[in-house]
Amino acid sequence: MALLTAEVTWLRWLLADFGVSITTPTLVLSDNTCAINVARDPVKHELTKHIGVDAFYTRAQVVALQYVLSDL
């Protein structure tokens, strides 16, 4: 999710360089409820210490996380 957030951030900067103004958050869809909860929760937990930087980065960028059901 952090890699996708980095790509979205880069694309938003590229569009800004071209003069396209984006004022709404970019919607990021995921089927992983745990990843969404960690990215939304600003409290650091002992078990998620190793992904703290990625979660902080995702939380700091202009993205809106939403759960989407995936079929296997």
N, C-alpha and C. Protein backbone atom coordinates (compact mmCIF):
# COMPACT_ATOMS: atom_id res chain seq x y z
N MET A 1 0.83 -1.18 0.00
CA MET A 1 0.00 0.00 0.00
C MET A 1 0.88 1.26 0.00
N ALA A 2 2.01 1.19 0.67
CA ALA A 2 2.91 2.36 0.69
C ALA A 2 3.51 2.60 -0.69
N LEU A 3 3.81 1.53 -1.43
CA LEU A 3 4.34 1.69 -2.79
C LEU A 3 3.30 2.31 -3.70
N LEU A 4 2.07 1.88 -3.58
CA LEU A 4 0.98 2.48 -4.37
C LEU A 4 0.78 3.94 -3.99
N THR A 5 0.87 4.25 -2.70
CA THR A 5 0.73 5.63 -2.25
C THR A 5 1.85 6.50 -2.83
N ALA A 6 3.06 5.97 -2.90
CA ALA A 6 4.17 6.71 -3.49
C ALA A 6 3.91 6.98 -4.97
N GLU A 7 3.37 6.00 -5.70
CA GLU A 7 3.06 6.18 -7.11
C GLU A 7 1.95 7.23 -7.30
N VAL A 8 0.93 7.17 -6.45
CA VAL A 8 -0.16 8.14 -6.52
C VAL A 8 0.36 9.55 -6.23
N THR A 9 1.23 9.67 -5.24
CA THR A 9 1.81 10.97 -4.91
C THR A 9 2.61 11.52 -6.09
N TRP A 10 3.40 10.66 -6.73
CA TRP A 10 4.19 11.09 -7.88
C TRP A 10 3.28 11.54 -9.01
N LEU A 11 2.21 10.80 -9.27
CA LEU A 11 1.28 11.17 -10.34
C LEU A 11 0.57 12.49 -10.03
N ARG A 12 0.24 12.72 -8.75
CA ARG A 12 -0.39 13.99 -8.38
C ARG A 12 0.57 15.16 -8.60
N TRP A 13 1.85 14.96 -8.26
CA TRP A 13 2.86 16.00 -8.50
C TRP A 13 3.03 16.26 -9.99
N LEU A 14 3.03 15.19 -10.79
CA LEU A 14 3.18 15.33 -12.24
C LEU A 14 2.00 16.12 -12.82
N LEU A 15 0.80 15.79 -12.38
CA LEU A 15 -0.37 16.53 -12.85
C LEU A 15 -0.32 17.99 -12.41
N ALA A 16 0.19 18.24 -11.21
CA ALA A 16 0.33 19.63 -10.74
C ALA A 16 1.33 20.38 -11.60
N ASP A 17 2.40 19.71 -12.03
CA ASP A 17 3.37 20.35 -12.92
C ASP A 17 2.76 20.70 -14.27
N PHE A 18 1.80 19.91 -14.71
CA PHE A 18 1.10 20.18 -15.97
C PHE A 18 -0.03 21.19 -15.80
N GLY A 19 -0.27 21.65 -14.58
CA GLY A 19 -1.29 22.65 -14.34
C GLY A 19 -2.66 22.10 -13.98
N VAL A 20 -2.74 20.80 -13.74
CA VAL A 20 -4.01 20.17 -13.37
C VAL A 20 -4.14 20.23 -11.86
N SER A 21 -5.16 20.88 -11.38
CA SER A 21 -5.36 21.02 -9.94
C SER A 21 -6.26 19.89 -9.43
N ILE A 22 -5.78 19.16 -8.44
CA ILE A 22 -6.56 18.08 -7.82
C ILE A 22 -6.76 18.45 -6.35
N THR A 23 -8.00 18.65 -5.98
CA THR A 23 -8.28 19.07 -4.60
C THR A 23 -8.87 17.95 -3.75
N THR A 24 -9.33 16.88 -4.37
CA THR A 24 -9.93 15.78 -3.61
C THR A 24 -8.90 14.69 -3.37
N PRO A 25 -9.04 13.94 -2.29
CA PRO A 25 -8.12 12.82 -2.05
C PRO A 25 -8.28 11.74 -3.12
N THR A 26 -7.20 11.06 -3.41
CA THR A 26 -7.22 9.95 -4.35
C THR A 26 -7.71 8.71 -3.63
N LEU A 27 -8.68 8.03 -4.21
CA LEU A 27 -9.26 6.84 -3.61
C LEU A 27 -8.36 5.64 -3.88
N VAL A 28 -7.95 4.96 -2.82
CA VAL A 28 -7.14 3.75 -2.92
C VAL A 28 -7.98 2.59 -2.41
N LEU A 29 -8.23 1.61 -3.27
CA LEU A 29 -9.05 0.46 -2.91
C LEU A 29 -8.14 -0.70 -2.49
N SER A 30 -8.55 -1.40 -1.43
CA SER A 30 -7.78 -2.53 -0.94
C SER A 30 -8.72 -3.57 -0.36
N ASP A 31 -8.33 -4.84 -0.45
CA ASP A 31 -9.12 -5.89 0.14
C ASP A 31 -8.53 -6.37 1.47
N ASN A 32 -7.55 -5.65 1.98
CA ASN A 32 -6.88 -6.02 3.21
C ASN A 32 -7.33 -5.07 4.33
N THR A 33 -8.26 -5.54 5.15
CA THR A 33 -8.80 -4.69 6.21
C THR A 33 -7.75 -4.37 7.27
N CYS A 34 -6.83 -5.29 7.52
CA CYS A 34 -5.78 -5.03 8.52
C CYS A 34 -4.87 -3.89 8.06
N ALA A 35 -4.49 -3.89 6.79
CA ALA A 35 -3.63 -2.82 6.27
C ALA A 35 -4.34 -1.48 6.32
N ILE A 36 -5.63 -1.47 6.03
CA ILE A 36 -6.40 -0.23 6.09
C ILE A 36 -6.47 0.26 7.53
N ASN A 37 -6.73 -0.63 8.47
CA ASN A 37 -6.82 -0.23 9.88
C ASN A 37 -5.49 0.30 10.41
N VAL A 38 -4.38 -0.33 10.06
CA VAL A 38 -3.07 0.14 10.51
C VAL A 38 -2.75 1.50 9.89
N ALA A 39 -3.09 1.68 8.62
CA ALA A 39 -2.80 2.96 7.95
C ALA A 39 -3.66 4.09 8.51
N ARG A 40 -4.87 3.78 8.96
CA ARG A 40 -5.76 4.81 9.50
C ARG A 40 -5.49 5.11 10.96
N ASP A 41 -4.95 4.17 11.72
CA ASP A 41 -4.78 4.31 13.16
C ASP A 41 -3.48 5.04 13.48
N PRO A 42 -3.54 6.24 14.07
CA PRO A 42 -2.31 6.98 14.36
C PRO A 42 -1.53 6.45 15.57
N VAL A 43 -2.09 5.51 16.32
CA VAL A 43 -1.43 4.98 17.50
C VAL A 43 -0.43 3.90 17.08
N LYS A 44 0.77 3.98 17.58
CA LYS A 44 1.76 2.95 17.29
C LYS A 44 1.53 1.75 18.19
N HIS A 45 1.52 0.59 17.59
CA HIS A 45 1.37 -0.64 18.33
C HIS A 45 2.68 -1.42 18.27
N GLU A 46 2.94 -2.22 19.27
CA GLU A 46 4.18 -2.99 19.34
C GLU A 46 4.31 -3.97 18.18
N LEU A 47 3.20 -4.58 17.76
CA LEU A 47 3.26 -5.59 16.71
C LEU A 47 3.40 -4.99 15.32
N THR A 48 3.14 -3.71 15.15
CA THR A 48 3.24 -3.08 13.83
C THR A 48 4.43 -2.13 13.74
N LYS A 49 5.39 -2.30 14.63
CA LYS A 49 6.54 -1.40 14.66
C LYS A 49 7.35 -1.46 13.36
N HIS A 50 7.45 -2.64 12.75
CA HIS A 50 8.26 -2.81 11.55
C HIS A 50 7.65 -2.16 10.32
N ILE A 51 6.36 -1.84 10.35
CA ILE A 51 5.73 -1.18 9.20
C ILE A 51 5.30 0.24 9.54
N GLY A 52 5.82 0.78 10.61
CA GLY A 52 5.43 2.11 11.06
C GLY A 52 5.71 3.20 10.06
N VAL A 53 6.84 3.15 9.38
CA VAL A 53 7.20 4.18 8.42
C VAL A 53 6.24 4.15 7.24
N ASP A 54 5.94 2.97 6.73
CA ASP A 54 5.01 2.84 5.60
C ASP A 54 3.62 3.32 5.99
N ALA A 55 3.16 2.95 7.17
CA ALA A 55 1.83 3.36 7.62
C ALA A 55 1.78 4.87 7.82
N PHE A 56 2.83 5.46 8.38
CA PHE A 56 2.87 6.91 8.57
C PHE A 56 2.86 7.62 7.22
N TYR A 57 3.63 7.11 6.26
CA TYR A 57 3.68 7.73 4.93
C TYR A 57 2.32 7.68 4.26
N THR A 58 1.65 6.53 4.33
CA THR A 58 0.32 6.39 3.72
C THR A 58 -0.67 7.33 4.38
N ARG A 59 -0.58 7.45 5.70
CA ARG A 59 -1.50 8.32 6.44
C ARG A 59 -1.24 9.79 6.12
N ALA A 60 0.02 10.16 5.86
CA ALA A 60 0.38 11.56 5.65
C ALA A 60 0.02 12.06 4.25
N GLN A 61 -0.12 11.16 3.30
CA GLN A 61 -0.42 11.58 1.93
C GLN A 61 -1.91 11.79 1.74
N VAL A 62 -2.25 12.37 0.61
CA VAL A 62 -3.65 12.72 0.33
C VAL A 62 -4.31 11.53 -0.38
N VAL A 63 -4.59 10.48 0.38
CA VAL A 63 -5.29 9.32 -0.17
C VAL A 63 -6.45 8.97 0.76
N ALA A 64 -7.48 8.41 0.18
CA ALA A 64 -8.62 7.92 0.94
C ALA A 64 -8.66 6.40 0.78
N LEU A 65 -8.56 5.69 1.87
CA LEU A 65 -8.55 4.23 1.82
C LEU A 65 -9.96 3.69 1.92
N GLN A 66 -10.26 2.70 1.09
CA GLN A 66 -11.59 2.11 1.09
C GLN A 66 -11.46 0.61 0.88
N TYR A 67 -12.27 -0.14 1.61
CA TYR A 67 -12.28 -1.59 1.48
C TYR A 67 -13.12 -1.99 0.27
N VAL A 68 -12.62 -2.96 -0.47
CA VAL A 68 -13.37 -3.52 -1.60
C VAL A 68 -13.26 -5.04 -1.49
N LEU A 69 -14.37 -5.72 -1.66
CA LEU A 69 -14.40 -7.17 -1.55
C LEU A 69 -13.78 -7.78 -2.80
N SER A 70 -12.91 -8.74 -2.59
CA SER A 70 -12.29 -9.43 -3.73
C SER A 70 -12.80 -10.87 -3.76
N ASP A 71 -13.04 -11.35 -4.95
CA ASP A 71 -13.47 -12.73 -5.14
C ASP A 71 -12.28 -13.59 -5.47
N LEU A 72 -12.22 -14.75 -4.84
CA LEU A 72 -11.11 -15.66 -5.11
C LEU A 72 -11.52 -16.70 -6.11
